Amino acid sequence: MEHKSDFPVPVAAAPAFLIAALAAVSAVGSLLVLVTVGYLLLAMRRLSEEAAAGAVFVIFPLVGLALLASAVGMAFLARSEFRLLRTPPVFTSAGVRLRVFARRGYDVFVPWDRVSRLRVAEKGPRPYLLVDVADAEDLAGGDPGRAERLRRTAERFEGAAFVYGLRGALIGVEELGAVVHRLSDGTVALDY
């Protein structure tokens, strides 16, 4: 339950919509290629004996299947981005509420005293919120797979076990730092 002092961090919406649009375009392209090849197989049987028919009957189906495979992969990526939009990190007066492993809702709560560092870093085209937590593997609930996932994320992002894309246009880093300072009673500062 959110309280009046809870602050959901605005996360990037553009990647989710872009990936979903690319998945749709890739799926439509795949279907067009596969339908065209199917039509050519049925309508032009006599051409199948020609040497040039190999490209139509082998390469184009492979292109269609590759487009379909990329559409499926992008759909899964978009799904995870939309999940993050529904459940962004929430700063509260007691700590940070995160969705890390759960399919719905929040499953990790990190009190402010466990947050060792909170920072915003430029990694690629958009800034990221990086949450460093002391003994982050303890939050995996004894699951070695989850603990390994947190460890790999921490290695990749210089110690941050939790990483979220920020929608920088909606809130500036200084304003976000002021929110963190207010809700943590000055115990945690936002580095940038």
C-alpha atoms as a PDB file:
ATOM      1  CA  MET A   1       0.000   0.000   0.000  1.00  0.00           C
ATOM      2  CA  GLU A   2       1.378   3.382  -0.976  1.00  0.00           C
ATOM      3  CA  HIS A   3       1.391   6.238   1.500  1.00  0.00           C
ATOM      4  CA  LYS A   4       1.311   9.936   0.784  1.00  0.00           C
ATOM      5  CA  SER A   5       5.104  10.173   1.197  1.00  0.00           C
ATOM      6  CA  ASP A   6       5.831   7.294  -1.221  1.00  0.00           C
ATOM      7  CA  PHE A   7       7.590   8.322  -4.420  1.00  0.00           C
ATOM      8  CA  PRO A   8       7.458   5.981  -7.438  1.00  0.00           C
ATOM      9  CA  VAL A   9      10.561   6.634  -9.532  1.00  0.00           C
ATOM     10  CA  PRO A  10       9.659   7.523 -13.125  1.00  0.00           C
ATOM     11  CA  VAL A  11      11.176   4.863 -15.398  1.00  0.00           C
ATOM     12  CA  ALA A  12      11.719   4.954 -19.144  1.00  0.00           C
ATOM     13  CA  ALA A  13       8.583   4.305 -21.206  1.00  0.00           C
ATOM     14  CA  ALA A  14      10.053   4.810 -24.674  1.00  0.00           C
ATOM     15  CA  PRO A  15      12.057   1.544 -24.807  1.00  0.00           C
ATOM     16  CA  ALA A  16       8.998  -0.563 -24.047  1.00  0.00           C
ATOM     17  CA  PHE A  17       6.932   1.025 -26.804  1.00  0.00           C
ATOM     18  CA  LEU A  18       9.826   1.019 -29.291  1.00  0.00           C
ATOM     19  CA  ILE A  19      10.599  -2.655 -28.696  1.00  0.00           C
ATOM     20  CA  ALA A  20       6.896  -3.555 -28.943  1.00  0.00           C
ATOM     21  CA  ALA A  21       6.578  -1.637 -32.233  1.00  0.00           C
ATOM     22  CA  LEU A  22       9.685  -3.319 -33.654  1.00  0.00           C
ATOM     23  CA  ALA A  23       8.338  -6.724 -32.612  1.00  0.00           C
ATOM     24  CA  ALA A  24       5.051  -6.013 -34.403  1.00  0.00           C
ATOM     25  CA  VAL A  25       6.811  -4.825 -37.571  1.00  0.00           C
ATOM     26  CA  SER A  26       9.096  -7.863 -37.521  1.00  0.00           C
ATOM     27  CA  ALA A  27       6.135 -10.228 -37.060  1.00  0.00           C
ATOM     28  CA  VAL A  28       4.200  -8.633 -39.920  1.00  0.00           C
ATOM     29  CA  GLY A  29       7.288  -8.775 -42.161  1.00  0.00           C
ATOM     30  CA  SER A  30       7.778 -12.415 -41.285  1.00  0.00           C
ATOM     31  CA  LEU A  31       4.202 -13.284 -42.102  1.00  0.00           C
ATOM     32  CA  LEU A  32       4.381 -11.429 -45.436  1.00  0.00           C
ATOM     33  CA  VAL A  33       7.566 -13.257 -46.428  1.00  0.00           C
ATOM     34  CA  LEU A  34       6.206 -16.662 -45.391  1.00  0.00           C
ATOM     35  CA  VAL A  35       2.861 -16.116 -47.152  1.00  0.00           C
ATOM     36  CA  THR A  36       4.647 -14.964 -50.304  1.00  0.00           C
ATOM     37  CA  VAL A  37       6.900 -18.022 -50.272  1.00  0.00           C
ATOM     38  CA  GLY A  38       3.883 -20.266 -49.713  1.00  0.00           C
ATOM     39  CA  TYR A  39       2.119 -18.683 -52.669  1.00  0.00           C
ATOM     40  CA  LEU A  40       5.202 -19.102 -54.852  1.00  0.00           C
ATOM     41  CA  LEU A  41       5.503 -22.751 -53.839  1.00  0.00           C
ATOM     42  CA  LEU A  42       1.918 -23.439 -54.844  1.00  0.00           C
ATOM     43  CA  ALA A  43       1.613 -21.227 -57.921  1.00  0.00           C
ATOM     44  CA  MET A  44       4.983 -21.743 -59.536  1.00  0.00           C
ATOM     45  CA  ARG A  45       5.793 -25.414 -59.280  1.00  0.00           C
ATOM     46  CA  ARG A  46       7.426 -25.445 -62.677  1.00  0.00           C
ATOM     47  CA  LEU A  47       9.887 -22.769 -61.518  1.00  0.00           C
ATOM     48  CA  SER A  48      11.118 -25.040 -58.750  1.00  0.00           C
ATOM     49  CA  GLU A  49      13.247 -26.858 -61.325  1.00  0.00           C
ATOM     50  CA  GLU A  50      15.116 -23.650 -62.233  1.00  0.00           C
ATOM     51  CA  ALA A  51      18.487 -22.883 -60.585  1.00  0.00           C
ATOM     52  CA  ALA A  52      17.324 -19.444 -59.386  1.00  0.00           C
ATOM     53  CA  ALA A  53      14.397 -21.015 -57.546  1.00  0.00           C
ATOM     54  CA  GLY A  54      16.763 -22.117 -54.763  1.00  0.00           C
ATOM     55  CA  ALA A  55      16.890 -18.561 -53.449  1.00  0.00           C
ATOM     56  CA  VAL A  56      13.114 -18.310 -53.332  1.00  0.00           C
ATOM     57  CA  PHE A  57      12.520 -21.696 -51.779  1.00  0.00           C
ATOM     58  CA  VAL A  58      15.427 -21.744 -49.295  1.00  0.00           C
ATOM     59  CA  ILE A  59      16.672 -18.250 -48.475  1.00  0.00           C
ATOM     60  CA  PHE A  60      13.313 -16.471 -48.221  1.00  0.00           C
ATOM     61  CA  PRO A  61      11.791 -19.018 -45.804  1.00  0.00           C
ATOM     62  CA  LEU A  62      14.918 -18.702 -43.664  1.00  0.00           C
ATOM     63  CA  VAL A  63      14.560 -14.903 -43.691  1.00  0.00           C
ATOM     64  CA  GLY A  64      10.902 -15.235 -42.718  1.00  0.00           C
ATOM     65  CA  LEU A  65      11.689 -17.585 -39.850  1.00  0.00           C
ATOM     66  CA  ALA A  66      14.529 -15.325 -38.650  1.00  0.00           C
ATOM     67  CA  LEU A  67      12.150 -12.348 -38.622  1.00  0.00           C
ATOM     68  CA  LEU A  68       9.626 -14.402 -36.676  1.00  0.00           C
ATOM     69  CA  ALA A  69      12.272 -15.475 -34.139  1.00  0.00           C
ATOM     70  CA  SER A  70      13.396 -11.861 -33.654  1.00  0.00           C
ATOM     71  CA  ALA A  71       9.772 -10.774 -33.186  1.00  0.00           C
ATOM     72  CA  VAL A  72       9.310 -13.350 -30.421  1.00  0.00           C
ATOM     73  CA  GLY A  73      12.535 -12.257 -28.709  1.00  0.00           C
ATOM     74  CA  MET A  74      11.553  -8.585 -28.882  1.00  0.00           C
ATOM     75  CA  ALA A  75       8.095  -9.372 -27.533  1.00  0.00           C
ATOM     76  CA  PHE A  76       9.651 -10.934 -24.429  1.00  0.00           C
ATOM     77  CA  LEU A  77      11.921  -7.896 -23.994  1.00  0.00           C
ATOM     78  CA  ALA A  78       8.979  -5.516 -24.337  1.00  0.00           C
ATOM     79  CA  ARG A  79       7.038  -7.551 -21.782  1.00  0.00           C
ATOM     80  CA  SER A  80       9.768  -7.066 -19.176  1.00  0.00           C
ATOM     81  CA  GLU A  81       9.959  -3.325 -19.956  1.00  0.00           C
ATOM     82  CA  PHE A  82       6.184  -2.963 -19.505  1.00  0.00           C
ATOM     83  CA  ARG A  83       6.415  -4.810 -16.160  1.00  0.00           C
ATOM     84  CA  LEU A  84       8.930  -2.213 -15.014  1.00  0.00           C
ATOM     85  CA  LEU A  85       6.537   0.562 -16.062  1.00  0.00           C
ATOM     86  CA  ARG A  86       3.782  -0.960 -13.905  1.00  0.00           C
ATOM     87  CA  THR A  87       6.000  -1.491 -10.855  1.00  0.00           C
ATOM     88  CA  PRO A  88       8.830   1.051 -10.780  1.00  0.00           C
ATOM     89  CA  PRO A  89      11.099   1.401  -7.743  1.00  0.00           C
ATOM     90  CA  VAL A  90       9.342   3.274  -4.938  1.00  0.00           C
ATOM     91  CA  PHE A  91      11.151   5.415  -2.382  1.00  0.00           C
ATOM     92  CA  THR A  92       9.407   5.448   0.994  1.00  0.00           C
ATOM     93  CA  SER A  93      10.290   6.931   4.358  1.00  0.00           C
ATOM     94  CA  ALA A  94      11.435   3.449   5.463  1.00  0.00           C
ATOM     95  CA  GLY A  95      13.435   2.409   2.383  1.00  0.00           C
ATOM     96  CA  VAL A  96      13.167   1.357  -1.238  1.00  0.00           C
ATOM     97  CA  ARG A  97      10.476  -1.022  -2.541  1.00  0.00           C
ATOM     98  CA  LEU A  98      11.583  -2.980  -5.634  1.00  0.00           C
ATOM     99  CA  ARG A  99      10.234  -5.555  -8.050  1.00  0.00           C
ATOM    100  CA  VAL A 100      13.137  -7.855  -8.758  1.00  0.00           C
ATOM    101  CA  PHE A 101      11.979 -11.456  -9.136  1.00  0.00           C
ATOM    102  CA  ALA A 102       8.177 -11.345  -8.838  1.00  0.00           C
ATOM    103  CA  ARG A 103       5.926 -11.484 -11.865  1.00  0.00           C
ATOM    104  CA  ARG A 104       3.555  -8.966 -10.290  1.00  0.00           C
ATOM    105  CA  GLY A 105       3.910  -6.497  -7.492  1.00  0.00           C
ATOM    106  CA  TYR A 106       6.909  -5.832  -5.313  1.00  0.00           C
ATOM    107  CA  ASP A 107       8.990  -8.581  -3.749  1.00  0.00           C
ATOM    108  CA  VAL A 108      12.020  -6.814  -2.268  1.00  0.00           C
ATOM    109  CA  PHE A 109      12.114  -4.093   0.367  1.00  0.00           C
ATOM    110  CA  VAL A 110      15.479  -2.527   1.200  1.00  0.00           C
ATOM    111  CA  PRO A 111      15.614  -0.351   4.348  1.00  0.00           C
ATOM    112  CA  TRP A 112      17.629   2.842   3.981  1.00  0.00           C
ATOM    113  CA  ASP A 113      20.332   1.499   6.295  1.00  0.00           C
ATOM    114  CA  ARG A 114      21.027  -1.388   3.839  1.00  0.00           C
ATOM    115  CA  VAL A 115      21.394   0.952   0.853  1.00  0.00           C
ATOM    116  CA  SER A 116      25.152   1.440   0.586  1.00  0.00           C
ATOM    117  CA  ARG A 117      24.994   3.725  -2.444  1.00  0.00           C
ATOM    118  CA  LEU A 118      22.308   5.219  -4.660  1.00  0.00           C
ATOM    119  CA  ARG A 119      23.386   6.803  -7.905  1.00  0.00           C
ATOM    120  CA  VAL A 120      22.373   7.901 -11.358  1.00  0.00           C
ATOM    121  CA  ALA A 121      24.788   6.924 -14.134  1.00  0.00           C
ATOM    122  CA  GLU A 122      24.826   7.459 -17.868  1.00  0.00           C
ATOM    123  CA  LYS A 123      25.004   4.045 -19.527  1.00  0.00           C
ATOM    124  CA  GLY A 124      24.118   4.419 -23.183  1.00  0.00           C
ATOM    125  CA  PRO A 125      21.376   6.711 -24.447  1.00  0.00           C
ATOM    126  CA  ARG A 126      19.566   7.161 -21.118  1.00  0.00           C
ATOM    127  CA  PRO A 127      20.452   7.476 -17.449  1.00  0.00           C
ATOM    128  CA  TYR A 128      20.020   4.575 -15.035  1.00  0.00           C
ATOM    129  CA  LEU A 129      19.207   4.440 -11.339  1.00  0.00           C
ATOM    130  CA  LEU A 130      21.755   2.144  -9.692  1.00  0.00           C
ATOM    131  CA  VAL A 131      20.976   0.793  -6.209  1.00  0.00           C
ATOM    132  CA  ASP A 132      23.944  -0.680  -4.324  1.00  0.00           C
ATOM    133  CA  VAL A 133      22.809  -2.856  -1.426  1.00  0.00           C
ATOM    134  CA  ALA A 134      24.969  -4.388   1.277  1.00  0.00           C
ATOM    135  CA  ASP A 135      24.779  -8.202   1.002  1.00  0.00           C
ATOM    136  CA  ALA A 136      22.302  -8.117  -1.892  1.00  0.00           C
ATOM    137  CA  GLU A 137      22.446 -11.931  -2.197  1.00  0.00           C
ATOM    138  CA  ASP A 138      20.556 -12.143   1.130  1.00  0.00           C
ATOM    139  CA  LEU A 139      17.552 -10.683  -0.692  1.00  0.00           C
ATOM    140  CA  ALA A 140      17.434 -13.696  -3.036  1.00  0.00           C
ATOM    141  CA  GLY A 141      15.633 -15.766  -0.386  1.00  0.00           C
ATOM    142  CA  GLY A 142      18.137 -18.628  -0.498  1.00  0.00           C
ATOM    143  CA  ASP A 143      17.652 -19.200  -4.242  1.00  0.00           C
ATOM    144  CA  PRO A 144      21.105 -19.719  -5.827  1.00  0.00           C
ATOM    145  CA  GLY A 145      19.845 -18.740  -9.299  1.00  0.00           C
ATOM    146  CA  ARG A 146      18.536 -15.431  -8.040  1.00  0.00           C
ATOM    147  CA  ALA A 147      21.689 -14.811  -6.021  1.00  0.00           C
ATOM    148  CA  GLU A 148      23.766 -15.448  -9.149  1.00  0.00           C
ATOM    149  CA  ARG A 149      21.614 -13.004 -11.125  1.00  0.00           C
ATOM    150  CA  LEU A 150      22.193 -10.311  -8.493  1.00  0.00           C
ATOM    151  CA  ARG A 151      25.921 -11.062  -8.449  1.00  0.00           C
ATOM    152  CA  ARG A 152      26.202 -10.770 -12.265  1.00  0.00           C
ATOM    153  CA  THR A 153      24.261  -7.492 -12.259  1.00  0.00           C
ATOM    154  CA  ALA A 154      26.528  -6.123  -9.529  1.00  0.00           C
ATOM    155  CA  GLU A 155      29.622  -7.095 -11.542  1.00  0.00           C
ATOM    156  CA  ARG A 156      28.264  -5.456 -14.674  1.00  0.00           C
ATOM    157  CA  PHE A 157      27.168  -2.221 -12.988  1.00  0.00           C
ATOM    158  CA  GLU A 158      30.060  -1.522 -10.610  1.00  0.00           C
ATOM    159  CA  GLY A 159      28.474  -2.970  -7.470  1.00  0.00           C
ATOM    160  CA  ALA A 160      24.811  -2.121  -8.121  1.00  0.00           C
ATOM    161  CA  ALA A 161      22.626  -5.219  -7.800  1.00  0.00           C
ATOM    162  CA  PHE A 162      19.490  -3.347  -8.911  1.00  0.00           C
ATOM    163  CA  VAL A 163      19.400  -1.242 -12.089  1.00  0.00           C
ATOM    164  CA  TYR A 164      16.451   0.686 -13.519  1.00  0.00           C
ATOM    165  CA  GLY A 165      16.210   2.917 -16.594  1.00  0.00           C
ATOM    166  CA  LEU A 166      15.118   6.461 -15.755  1.00  0.00           C
ATOM    167  CA  ARG A 167      12.831   8.727 -17.692  1.00  0.00           C
ATOM    168  CA  GLY A 168      15.087  11.757 -17.333  1.00  0.00           C
ATOM    169  CA  ALA A 169      12.703  14.223 -18.941  1.00  0.00           C
ATOM    170  CA  LEU A 170      10.110  13.902 -16.163  1.00  0.00           C
ATOM    171  CA  ILE A 171      12.327  14.537 -13.156  1.00  0.00           C
ATOM    172  CA  GLY A 172      15.772  16.029 -12.912  1.00  0.00           C
ATOM    173  CA  VAL A 173      18.571  14.396 -10.974  1.00  0.00           C
ATOM    174  CA  GLU A 174      18.625  17.259  -8.469  1.00  0.00           C
ATOM    175  CA  GLU A 175      14.889  16.858  -7.751  1.00  0.00           C
ATOM    176  CA  LEU A 176      15.293  13.101  -7.372  1.00  0.00           C
ATOM    177  CA  GLY A 177      18.209  13.696  -4.996  1.00  0.00           C
ATOM    178  CA  ALA A 178      16.010  16.024  -2.921  1.00  0.00           C
ATOM    179  CA  VAL A 179      13.305  13.328  -2.702  1.00  0.00           C
ATOM    180  CA  VAL A 180      15.858  10.721  -1.564  1.00  0.00           C
ATOM    181  CA  HIS A 181      17.328  13.135   1.004  1.00  0.00           C
ATOM    182  CA  ARG A 182      13.860  13.967   2.380  1.00  0.00           C
ATOM    183  CA  LEU A 183      12.571  10.382   2.570  1.00  0.00           C
ATOM    184  CA  SER A 184      15.782   8.882   3.988  1.00  0.00           C
ATOM    185  CA  ASP A 185      16.138  11.707   6.531  1.00  0.00           C
ATOM    186  CA  GLY A 186      19.508  12.531   5.024  1.00  0.00           C
ATOM    187  CA  THR A 187      21.032   9.073   5.612  1.00  0.00           C
ATOM    188  CA  VAL A 188      21.357   8.316   1.875  1.00  0.00           C
ATOM    189  CA  ALA A 189      22.474  10.748  -0.801  1.00  0.00           C
ATOM    190  CA  LEU A 190      21.928  10.365  -4.520  1.00  0.00           C
ATOM    191  CA  ASP A 191      25.248  10.416  -6.376  1.00  0.00           C
ATOM    192  CA  TYR A 192      25.394  11.633  -9.956  1.00  0.00           C
END
